[in-house]
Protein backbone atom coordinates (compact mmCIF):
# COMPACT_ATOMS: atom_id res chain seq x y z
CA MET A 1 21.51 9.86 54.89
CA THR A 2 23.87 12.75 54.28
CA ALA A 3 23.73 14.08 50.73
CA PRO A 4 26.84 13.37 48.63
CA LEU A 5 29.35 16.20 48.70
CA VAL A 6 29.54 18.50 45.70
CA PRO A 7 33.11 19.67 45.09
CA ALA A 8 33.63 23.37 44.51
CA PRO A 9 34.90 24.31 41.04
CA LEU A 10 38.69 24.49 40.96
CA PRO A 11 41.03 26.44 38.71
CA HIS A 12 41.80 24.72 35.42
CA SER A 13 44.22 21.89 36.17
CA VAL A 14 46.31 22.22 33.02
CA THR A 15 47.31 25.09 30.79
CA VAL A 16 45.90 24.43 27.35
CA ASP A 17 46.62 26.74 24.43
CA LEU A 18 44.27 25.97 21.57
CA GLY A 19 44.59 29.29 19.79
CA GLY A 20 44.02 28.81 16.08
CA ARG A 21 42.31 25.44 16.57
CA THR A 22 38.72 24.66 15.65
CA ALA A 23 36.88 22.29 17.97
CA LEU A 24 33.49 20.70 17.32
CA VAL A 25 31.46 19.58 20.35
CA THR A 26 28.18 17.71 19.95
CA GLY A 27 25.41 17.88 22.50
CA ALA A 28 26.87 21.25 23.47
CA ALA A 29 23.75 23.01 24.75
CA GLY A 30 23.87 21.45 28.20
CA GLY A 31 25.58 19.14 30.65
CA ILE A 32 28.98 17.70 29.73
CA GLY A 33 28.91 19.15 26.22
CA ARG A 34 28.36 22.68 27.52
CA ALA A 35 31.21 22.31 30.01
CA CYS A 36 33.53 21.01 27.27
CA ALA A 37 32.61 23.80 24.86
CA LEU A 38 33.30 26.47 27.49
CA ARG A 39 36.57 24.82 28.57
CA LEU A 40 37.90 24.61 25.01
CA ALA A 41 36.79 28.17 24.28
CA ALA A 42 38.62 29.32 27.42
CA ALA A 43 41.72 27.65 25.97
CA GLY A 44 41.42 29.81 22.87
CA ALA A 45 39.67 27.46 20.46
CA LYS A 46 37.00 28.40 17.99
CA VAL A 47 34.23 26.06 19.10
CA ARG A 48 31.49 24.78 16.82
CA ALA A 49 28.77 24.00 19.32
CA VAL A 50 26.38 21.46 17.80
CA ASP A 51 22.95 20.68 19.26
CA ARG A 52 19.30 20.64 18.24
CA ASP A 53 18.47 22.98 21.17
CA ALA A 54 18.70 26.44 19.57
CA ALA A 55 17.87 28.31 22.79
CA GLY A 56 20.49 26.39 24.74
CA LEU A 57 23.10 27.14 22.09
CA GLU A 58 22.22 30.83 22.18
CA GLU A 59 22.79 30.89 25.94
CA LEU A 60 26.05 28.99 25.52
CA ALA A 61 27.35 31.43 22.91
CA ALA A 62 26.57 34.35 25.20
CA ARG A 63 28.32 32.62 28.10
CA GLY A 64 31.33 31.83 25.92
CA ALA A 65 31.83 35.40 24.73
CA GLY A 66 35.06 36.84 26.06
CA LEU A 67 36.54 33.55 27.25
CA GLY A 68 39.44 33.72 24.84
CA GLY A 69 38.07 31.70 21.97
CA THR A 70 34.69 31.88 20.28
CA VAL A 71 31.54 29.76 20.29
CA GLU A 72 29.66 29.30 17.02
CA SER A 73 26.17 27.79 17.27
CA VAL A 74 25.28 25.02 14.83
CA VAL A 75 21.68 23.87 15.19
CA LEU A 76 21.68 20.28 13.98
CA ASP A 77 19.85 17.03 14.66
CA LEU A 78 22.48 14.28 14.51
CA THR A 79 20.04 11.85 12.96
CA ASP A 80 20.76 13.87 9.79
CA LEU A 81 23.95 11.94 9.19
CA ASP A 82 25.00 13.68 5.99
CA ALA A 83 24.73 17.08 7.68
CA ALA A 84 26.71 15.78 10.66
CA GLU A 85 29.57 14.66 8.44
CA GLN A 86 29.60 17.98 6.62
CA ALA A 87 29.62 19.93 9.91
CA ALA A 88 32.86 18.20 10.97
CA ALA A 89 34.87 19.28 7.92
CA GLY A 90 37.86 21.42 8.84
CA THR A 91 37.87 20.65 12.55
CA ASP A 92 41.09 20.06 14.49
CA ILE A 93 39.39 18.70 17.62
CA LEU A 94 36.24 16.58 17.66
CA VAL A 95 34.36 15.89 20.88
CA ASN A 96 31.61 13.30 20.35
CA ASN A 97 29.37 13.90 23.34
CA ALA A 98 25.70 13.89 22.31
CA GLY A 99 23.59 11.16 23.85
CA LEU A 100 20.17 10.09 25.00
CA GLN A 101 18.89 7.48 27.39
CA LEU A 102 15.84 5.32 28.01
CA VAL A 103 15.62 2.85 30.88
CA ARG A 104 13.44 -0.18 30.03
CA PRO A 105 13.72 -3.99 30.12
CA ILE A 106 14.70 -5.42 26.73
CA GLU A 107 11.29 -6.99 26.15
CA GLU A 108 9.66 -3.57 26.67
CA PHE A 109 12.29 -1.47 24.88
CA PRO A 110 10.81 0.28 21.81
CA PRO A 111 12.77 -0.81 18.71
CA GLU A 112 12.49 2.66 17.19
CA VAL A 113 14.15 4.19 20.26
CA PHE A 114 16.93 1.58 20.12
CA HIS A 115 17.52 2.59 16.50
CA THR A 116 17.60 6.31 17.35
CA VAL A 117 20.04 5.81 20.23
CA LEU A 118 22.44 3.84 18.02
CA THR A 119 22.11 6.44 15.27
CA VAL A 120 22.90 9.42 17.49
CA MET A 121 25.49 7.78 19.72
CA LEU A 122 27.39 5.48 17.34
CA GLU A 123 26.61 6.10 13.68
CA ALA A 124 26.76 9.90 14.02
CA PRO A 125 30.20 9.78 15.72
CA PHE A 126 31.42 7.59 12.83
CA ARG A 127 30.17 10.14 10.31
CA LEU A 128 31.63 13.05 12.29
CA ILE A 129 35.03 11.33 12.49
CA ARG A 130 34.80 10.55 8.80
CA GLY A 131 34.15 14.21 8.07
CA ALA A 132 36.94 15.49 10.32
CA LEU A 133 39.78 13.14 9.36
CA PRO A 134 40.75 14.55 5.95
CA HIS A 135 41.62 17.93 7.48
CA MET A 136 43.34 16.34 10.48
CA TYR A 137 45.39 14.04 8.27
CA GLY A 138 46.26 16.89 5.94
CA GLN A 139 47.81 18.95 8.73
CA GLY A 140 49.32 16.03 10.63
CA TRP A 141 47.48 16.81 13.88
CA GLY A 142 44.10 16.05 15.37
CA ARG A 143 42.33 15.12 18.56
CA ILE A 144 39.24 12.92 18.74
CA VAL A 145 37.69 12.63 22.19
CA ASN A 146 34.67 10.36 22.50
CA LEU A 147 32.50 10.85 25.56
CA SER A 148 31.84 7.26 26.41
CA SER A 149 30.75 6.17 29.87
CA VAL A 150 31.42 3.64 32.56
CA HIS A 151 28.75 1.83 30.54
CA GLY A 152 31.27 1.55 27.73
CA LEU A 153 33.24 -0.68 30.11
CA ARG A 154 30.47 -2.27 32.16
CA ALA A 155 26.86 -3.17 31.44
CA SER A 156 23.80 -2.33 33.50
CA ALA A 157 20.36 -3.85 33.31
CA PHE A 158 17.57 -1.99 31.51
CA LYS A 159 19.93 0.07 29.30
CA SER A 160 20.34 -2.14 26.24
CA ALA A 161 20.55 0.68 23.69
CA TYR A 162 22.84 2.96 25.70
CA VAL A 163 25.22 0.17 26.68
CA SER A 164 25.31 -1.17 23.13
CA ALA A 165 26.06 2.29 21.72
CA LYS A 166 28.82 3.01 24.25
CA HIS A 167 30.48 -0.37 23.73
CA GLY A 168 30.41 0.27 19.99
CA LEU A 169 31.87 3.75 20.50
CA GLU A 170 34.80 2.20 22.37
CA GLY A 171 35.60 0.03 19.35
CA LEU A 172 35.19 2.90 16.92
CA SER A 173 37.53 5.06 19.02
CA LYS A 174 40.23 2.39 19.10
CA THR A 175 39.97 1.83 15.35
CA ALA A 176 40.33 5.58 14.75
CA ALA A 177 43.38 5.57 17.04
CA LEU A 178 45.09 2.83 15.04
CA GLU A 179 44.34 4.45 11.70
CA GLY A 180 45.15 7.97 12.90
CA ALA A 181 48.47 7.23 14.59
CA PRO A 182 50.63 7.61 11.44
CA HIS A 183 48.95 10.98 10.81
CA GLY A 184 49.40 12.62 14.21
CA VAL A 185 45.77 12.05 15.21
CA THR A 186 44.86 10.60 18.61
CA SER A 187 41.51 9.10 19.54
CA ASN A 188 40.44 8.34 23.09
CA CYS A 189 37.36 7.75 25.20
CA VAL A 190 36.54 9.52 28.44
CA ASN A 191 34.40 7.31 30.66
CA PRO A 192 32.60 9.10 33.46
CA GLY A 193 30.27 7.50 35.93
CA TYR A 194 27.01 9.27 36.64
CA VAL A 195 27.43 12.99 35.96
CA ARG A 196 25.28 15.75 37.42
CA THR A 197 23.39 16.48 34.19
CA PRO A 198 19.73 16.66 33.08
CA LEU A 199 20.23 13.30 31.31
CA VAL A 200 20.98 11.63 34.65
CA GLU A 201 18.26 13.52 36.50
CA ARG A 202 15.67 12.34 33.99
CA GLN A 203 16.65 8.70 34.65
CA ILE A 204 15.63 8.74 38.28
CA SER A 205 11.90 8.13 37.81
CA ASP A 206 12.55 5.42 35.20
CA GLN A 207 15.08 3.72 37.46
CA ALA A 208 12.66 3.86 40.39
CA ALA A 209 9.97 2.15 38.32
CA ALA A 210 12.37 -0.45 36.88
CA HIS A 211 13.76 -1.40 40.29
CA GLY A 212 10.54 -0.96 42.27
CA ILE A 213 11.95 1.53 44.78
CA PRO A 214 11.14 5.14 45.72
CA GLU A 215 12.86 7.86 43.67
CA GLU A 216 14.78 9.15 46.71
CA GLN A 217 16.59 5.80 46.97
CA VAL A 218 17.74 5.67 43.34
CA LEU A 219 20.89 7.77 43.80
CA THR A 220 22.43 5.70 46.58
CA GLU A 221 20.98 2.26 45.87
CA VAL A 222 21.22 2.22 42.06
CA LEU A 223 23.28 5.00 40.49
CA LEU A 224 26.10 5.08 43.04
CA LYS A 225 25.83 1.50 44.27
CA ASP A 226 29.04 0.29 42.58
CA ALA A 227 31.12 3.45 42.95
CA ALA A 228 33.66 3.78 45.76
CA LEU A 229 33.19 7.57 45.79
CA LYS A 230 29.56 8.19 46.66
CA ARG A 231 28.88 11.32 44.64
CA LEU A 232 28.06 12.36 41.11
CA VAL A 233 30.80 13.53 38.78
CA GLU A 234 30.61 17.24 37.96
CA PRO A 235 30.57 18.34 34.28
CA HIS A 236 33.62 20.58 34.78
CA GLU A 237 35.63 17.57 35.97
CA VAL A 238 34.87 15.75 32.74
CA ALA A 239 35.74 18.84 30.70
CA GLU A 240 39.17 18.99 32.36
CA ALA A 241 39.90 15.43 31.23
CA VAL A 242 38.84 16.31 27.69
CA ALA A 243 41.07 19.40 27.72
CA TYR A 244 44.04 17.40 28.97
CA LEU A 245 43.75 14.97 26.05
CA CYS A 246 44.20 17.95 23.71
CA THR A 247 47.54 19.01 25.23
CA PRO A 248 50.99 18.23 23.81
CA GLN A 249 51.68 16.31 27.03
CA ALA A 250 48.93 13.84 26.05
CA SER A 251 50.23 13.17 22.54
CA PHE A 252 51.25 9.58 23.42
CA ILE A 253 47.82 8.74 24.83
CA THR A 254 45.68 7.12 22.16
CA GLY A 255 43.33 4.19 21.83
CA THR A 256 42.56 4.19 25.52
CA SER A 257 39.64 4.80 27.87
CA LEU A 258 40.05 7.26 30.72
CA ALA A 259 37.69 6.22 33.52
CA LEU A 260 36.27 8.94 35.76
CA ASP A 261 34.05 6.51 37.59
CA GLY A 262 34.83 6.95 41.28
CA GLY A 263 36.25 3.43 41.47
CA TRP A 264 33.30 1.67 39.82
CA THR A 265 35.51 -0.44 37.51
CA ALA A 266 37.93 -1.26 40.34
CA HIS A 267 35.54 -4.05 41.41
């Protein structure tokens, strides 16, 4: 079978001027978070790049130098919820991206991993939003972008923790949108399908074991089975959607979920 096409990077689709704005991006050392941090820095923002991967953050900061904005590394484990809330103080833009995944049947799913996934992917975003809102409300402007997933809109077998966290994040995002509207703060979810990231690559062996198929069949028979477009989403495509939601043109978009799923939810 022919390998799915990988689109070449394109010029930024929208002009975004975030000069003077501070943006916090979690899970920024790699994958979608890295792409978002670089995109917002290129738009002139001062980016607080949060991750527990110090080496990855160091590389990101070096890559971000000279883009127009700045990238400040914040080494932080989001299971430290008090520290997460404190890190968000004074931010104009909050991108909740950090996540983790384990593929197991419910009866084999370790309870401690379920707890960690919900902590990092739902409770930490709540605490980060809680920390960011006073500043956003005070200035009458703010942007909350929650990196959800097609799994915030649809369930898949063997992903009880991830699906639960993403569905909860959808509700949290909508609640923040309703509360933030009188204060000039928008809150939205971006919902990609499978993105070409290490998180997805690490799923392949687990998916092969769960479904009883060879690893080389996982991409087409499991990951892309329900998508009309048979390729992975690229991180820079997700970052463009995040950047758009920070523009003045997107000021009336709030409380919604922007699906970048290749037609998965069209079924």
